[in-house]
């Protein structure tokens, strides 16, 4: 029975694989048993050198990613601490007045939340923005609701398949940027609930030719 070489490359990690390349290259160099292997050995050496460089880059990138994540988390912790201090300051000034608290962009603890299905957004309107391709949308806010979903249509608004979800808004107005000028655009909005079953119905579409 003739023996065959055993590589088992799948079991090697990157360092072990390039190490195998070095070992084989050294063992076969000037080996009288393989007088015609010079081209293969040159190819192996070149490929191994590239692989070693890539392994080093990957290791450095992985280290940098770990450090970047740690730096991010540390920065976010600082932001959280400052926001906590801001909240305490707002409370000291507001003295329990929910209007003043909300004017600072903060929620009010114990504020009533909507239970059940949300209502339909009313009075959606579209106006030209300050720049070409910009359309401003606004609508009546729903009580206690600050999150809305938007869909756009540039075809026949009567065909449901023409409507495309384009994003969400945390308030009752938003700016749509980068729209192709001259396009007939329809927009509709609905209130989003924590449970999809309680989402509000879509508003009546509003139409605007993009400036």
Protein backbone atom coordinates (compact mmCIF):
# COMPACT_ATOMS: atom_id res chain seq x y z
CA UNK A 1 0.00 0.00 0.00
CA UNK A 2 1.40 3.40 -1.01
CA UNK A 3 1.57 6.07 1.67
CA UNK A 4 0.30 9.60 1.10
CA UNK A 5 1.15 12.87 2.79
CA UNK A 6 -1.10 14.08 5.63
CA UNK A 7 -1.93 17.79 5.86
CA UNK A 8 -5.08 18.10 8.04
CA UNK A 9 -5.21 21.81 7.17
CA UNK A 10 -8.77 22.22 8.41
CA UNK A 11 -7.63 21.53 11.96
CA UNK A 12 -4.98 24.28 11.98
CA UNK A 13 -5.49 27.82 13.24
CA UNK A 14 -3.99 30.72 11.20
CA UNK A 15 -0.65 30.68 13.06
CA UNK A 16 -0.37 26.92 12.80
CA UNK A 17 -1.16 27.00 9.08
CA UNK A 18 1.50 29.58 8.26
CA UNK A 19 3.86 27.70 10.56
CA UNK A 20 3.18 24.57 8.53
CA UNK A 21 4.06 26.57 5.41
CA UNK A 22 7.39 27.57 6.95
CA UNK A 23 8.15 24.02 8.08
CA UNK A 24 7.42 22.51 4.68
CA UNK A 25 9.35 25.26 2.88
CA UNK A 26 12.47 24.69 5.00
CA UNK A 27 12.23 20.90 4.80
CA UNK A 28 11.92 20.85 1.01
CA UNK A 29 14.51 23.52 0.21
CA UNK A 30 17.52 21.84 -1.40
CA UNK A 31 15.92 18.49 -0.67
CA UNK A 32 17.38 16.04 -3.20
CA UNK A 33 14.12 14.10 -3.16
CA UNK A 34 12.27 17.00 -4.80
CA UNK A 35 14.52 18.49 -7.48
CA UNK A 36 11.57 19.92 -9.47
CA UNK A 37 9.76 21.67 -6.58
CA UNK A 38 11.49 25.06 -6.85
CA UNK A 39 8.53 26.84 -8.46
CA UNK A 40 6.05 25.39 -5.97
CA UNK A 41 8.26 26.36 -3.04
CA UNK A 42 8.59 29.91 -4.35
CA UNK A 43 4.81 30.12 -4.67
CA UNK A 44 4.41 28.71 -1.16
CA UNK A 45 6.86 31.23 0.30
CA UNK A 46 5.10 34.16 -1.38
CA UNK A 47 1.62 33.00 -0.32
CA UNK A 48 2.79 32.33 3.22
CA UNK A 49 4.36 35.79 3.53
CA UNK A 50 1.09 37.44 2.44
CA UNK A 51 -0.93 35.26 4.83
CA UNK A 52 1.35 36.12 7.77
CA UNK A 53 0.92 39.82 7.08
CA UNK A 54 -2.87 39.43 6.91
CA UNK A 55 -2.89 37.47 10.18
CA UNK A 56 -0.99 40.31 11.88
CA UNK A 57 -3.43 42.89 10.47
CA UNK A 58 -6.41 40.84 11.67
CA UNK A 59 -4.97 40.51 15.17
CA UNK A 60 -4.27 44.23 15.39
CA UNK A 61 -7.75 45.02 14.07
CA UNK A 62 -9.34 42.72 16.63
CA UNK A 63 -7.38 44.39 19.43
CA UNK A 64 -8.39 47.81 18.14
CA UNK A 65 -12.05 46.73 17.99
CA UNK A 66 -11.95 45.56 21.60
CA UNK A 67 -10.39 48.86 22.67
CA UNK A 68 -12.87 50.84 20.57
CA UNK A 69 -15.76 49.03 22.25
CA UNK A 70 -14.32 49.73 25.68
CA UNK A 71 -13.78 53.41 24.78
CA UNK A 72 -17.35 53.64 23.46
CA UNK A 73 -18.84 52.10 26.59
CA UNK A 74 -16.79 54.42 28.80
CA UNK A 75 -17.94 57.45 26.81
CA UNK A 76 -21.57 56.34 26.98
CA UNK A 77 -21.27 55.87 30.72
CA UNK A 78 -20.09 59.49 31.01
CA UNK A 79 -23.05 60.67 28.91
CA UNK A 80 -25.42 58.67 31.12
CA UNK A 81 -23.93 60.22 34.23
CA UNK A 82 -24.28 63.74 32.86
CA UNK A 83 -27.87 63.07 31.76
CA UNK A 84 -28.64 61.86 35.28
CA UNK A 85 -27.26 65.11 36.64
CA UNK A 86 -29.31 67.06 34.08
CA UNK A 87 -32.44 65.18 35.15
CA UNK A 88 -31.79 66.11 38.77
CA UNK A 89 -31.35 69.76 37.79
CA UNK A 90 -34.56 69.75 35.76
CA UNK A 91 -36.45 68.24 38.69
CA UNK A 92 -35.09 70.91 41.05
CA UNK A 93 -36.24 73.68 38.71
CA UNK A 94 -39.57 72.14 37.61
CA UNK A 95 -40.69 71.34 41.16
CA UNK A 96 -43.06 68.67 39.84
CA UNK A 97 -44.44 70.69 36.91
CA UNK A 98 -44.75 68.16 34.03
CA UNK A 99 -44.88 70.90 31.38
CA UNK A 100 -41.49 72.26 32.45
CA UNK A 101 -40.05 68.74 32.61
CA UNK A 102 -41.26 67.90 29.11
CA UNK A 103 -39.93 71.23 27.81
CA UNK A 104 -36.45 69.89 28.65
CA UNK A 105 -36.97 66.94 26.34
CA UNK A 106 -37.51 64.51 29.21
CA UNK A 107 -40.38 62.19 29.97
CA UNK A 108 -42.46 62.40 33.11
CA UNK A 109 -42.49 59.52 35.55
CA UNK A 110 -45.93 58.08 36.12
CA UNK A 111 -47.40 59.84 33.06
CA UNK A 112 -50.45 58.10 31.65
CA UNK A 113 -49.74 55.71 28.81
CA UNK A 114 -52.11 54.70 26.07
CA UNK A 115 -53.68 51.29 26.48
CA UNK A 116 -55.21 49.51 23.48
CA UNK A 117 -55.24 50.42 19.81
CA UNK A 118 -53.94 53.86 18.87
CA UNK A 119 -55.96 56.38 16.89
CA UNK A 120 -55.43 57.53 13.32
CA UNK A 121 -53.02 60.37 12.62
CA UNK A 122 -54.90 63.46 11.41
CA UNK A 123 -54.07 66.53 9.30
CA UNK A 124 -50.92 65.22 7.63
CA UNK A 125 -49.48 67.89 5.36
CA UNK A 126 -46.41 68.21 3.13
CA UNK A 127 -44.62 71.46 2.33
CA UNK A 128 -41.49 72.38 0.41
CA UNK A 129 -38.33 72.40 2.49
CA UNK A 130 -35.53 74.95 2.43
CA UNK A 131 -33.50 73.10 -0.22
CA UNK A 132 -34.19 71.28 -3.50
CA UNK A 133 -35.26 67.69 -2.91
CA UNK A 134 -36.45 68.46 0.63
CA UNK A 135 -40.04 67.96 1.77
CA UNK A 136 -41.27 68.77 5.28
CA UNK A 137 -44.05 66.67 6.79
CA UNK A 138 -46.13 67.49 9.83
CA UNK A 139 -49.28 66.18 11.48
CA UNK A 140 -51.35 66.45 14.63
CA UNK A 141 -49.68 64.57 17.49
CA UNK A 142 -51.60 61.87 19.28
CA UNK A 143 -51.95 62.29 23.04
CA UNK A 144 -49.17 60.52 24.88
CA UNK A 145 -47.70 59.18 21.64
CA UNK A 146 -44.31 60.21 20.30
CA UNK A 147 -43.31 57.46 17.85
CA UNK A 148 -44.60 57.29 14.30
CA UNK A 149 -43.94 55.20 11.19
CA UNK A 150 -43.81 56.67 7.67
CA UNK A 151 -44.46 55.17 4.23
CA UNK A 152 -43.83 56.82 0.86
CA UNK A 153 -45.32 56.21 -2.57
CA UNK A 154 -44.13 57.58 -5.91
CA UNK A 155 -46.52 55.54 -8.07
CA UNK A 156 -50.25 54.97 -7.90
CA UNK A 157 -51.17 55.47 -4.21
CA UNK A 158 -54.16 53.20 -4.72
CA UNK A 159 -51.84 50.24 -5.24
CA UNK A 160 -50.68 48.96 -1.86
CA UNK A 161 -47.53 47.41 -3.33
CA UNK A 162 -46.31 50.89 -4.30
CA UNK A 163 -45.99 51.97 -0.68
CA UNK A 164 -42.52 51.66 0.88
CA UNK A 165 -41.61 52.03 4.55
CA UNK A 166 -39.03 54.84 4.79
CA UNK A 167 -38.46 55.20 8.52
CA UNK A 168 -39.86 56.59 11.73
CA UNK A 169 -40.15 59.83 13.64
CA UNK A 170 -40.03 60.58 17.33
CA UNK A 171 -42.29 63.62 16.93
CA UNK A 172 -45.14 64.95 14.84
CA UNK A 173 -42.94 66.38 12.10
CA UNK A 174 -39.99 65.30 10.01
CA UNK A 175 -37.93 66.37 7.01
CA UNK A 176 -37.52 64.08 4.00
CA UNK A 177 -34.18 64.86 2.39
CA UNK A 178 -32.65 63.88 -0.94
CA UNK A 179 -35.93 63.29 -2.79
CA UNK A 180 -35.74 63.49 -6.61
CA UNK A 181 -36.99 66.93 -7.69
CA UNK A 182 -40.19 66.88 -9.72
CA UNK A 183 -41.35 63.56 -8.32
CA UNK A 184 -45.01 63.11 -7.39
CA UNK A 185 -44.78 61.86 -3.83
CA UNK A 186 -47.44 60.64 -1.42
CA UNK A 187 -46.81 60.11 2.27
CA UNK A 188 -48.81 58.43 5.02
CA UNK A 189 -48.12 58.10 8.73
CA UNK A 190 -49.32 55.91 11.57
CA UNK A 191 -48.71 55.79 15.30
CA UNK A 192 -46.61 52.86 16.52
CA UNK A 193 -47.46 51.00 19.71
CA UNK A 194 -45.25 48.64 21.74
CA UNK A 195 -47.41 45.80 20.42
CA UNK A 196 -47.96 45.75 16.61
CA UNK A 197 -51.59 44.74 17.18
CA UNK A 198 -52.15 48.16 18.76
CA UNK A 199 -50.61 50.22 15.95
CA UNK A 200 -52.84 52.99 14.69
CA UNK A 201 -54.32 52.91 11.18
CA UNK A 202 -52.48 54.70 8.39
CA UNK A 203 -53.38 58.34 7.91
CA UNK A 204 -54.97 59.67 4.75
CA UNK A 205 -52.17 60.16 2.19
CA UNK A 206 -50.75 63.64 1.64
CA UNK A 207 -49.36 64.61 -1.78
CA UNK A 208 -46.53 66.90 -2.83
CA UNK A 209 -44.45 67.45 -5.98
CA UNK A 210 -40.87 67.43 -4.72
CA UNK A 211 -39.28 70.88 -5.23
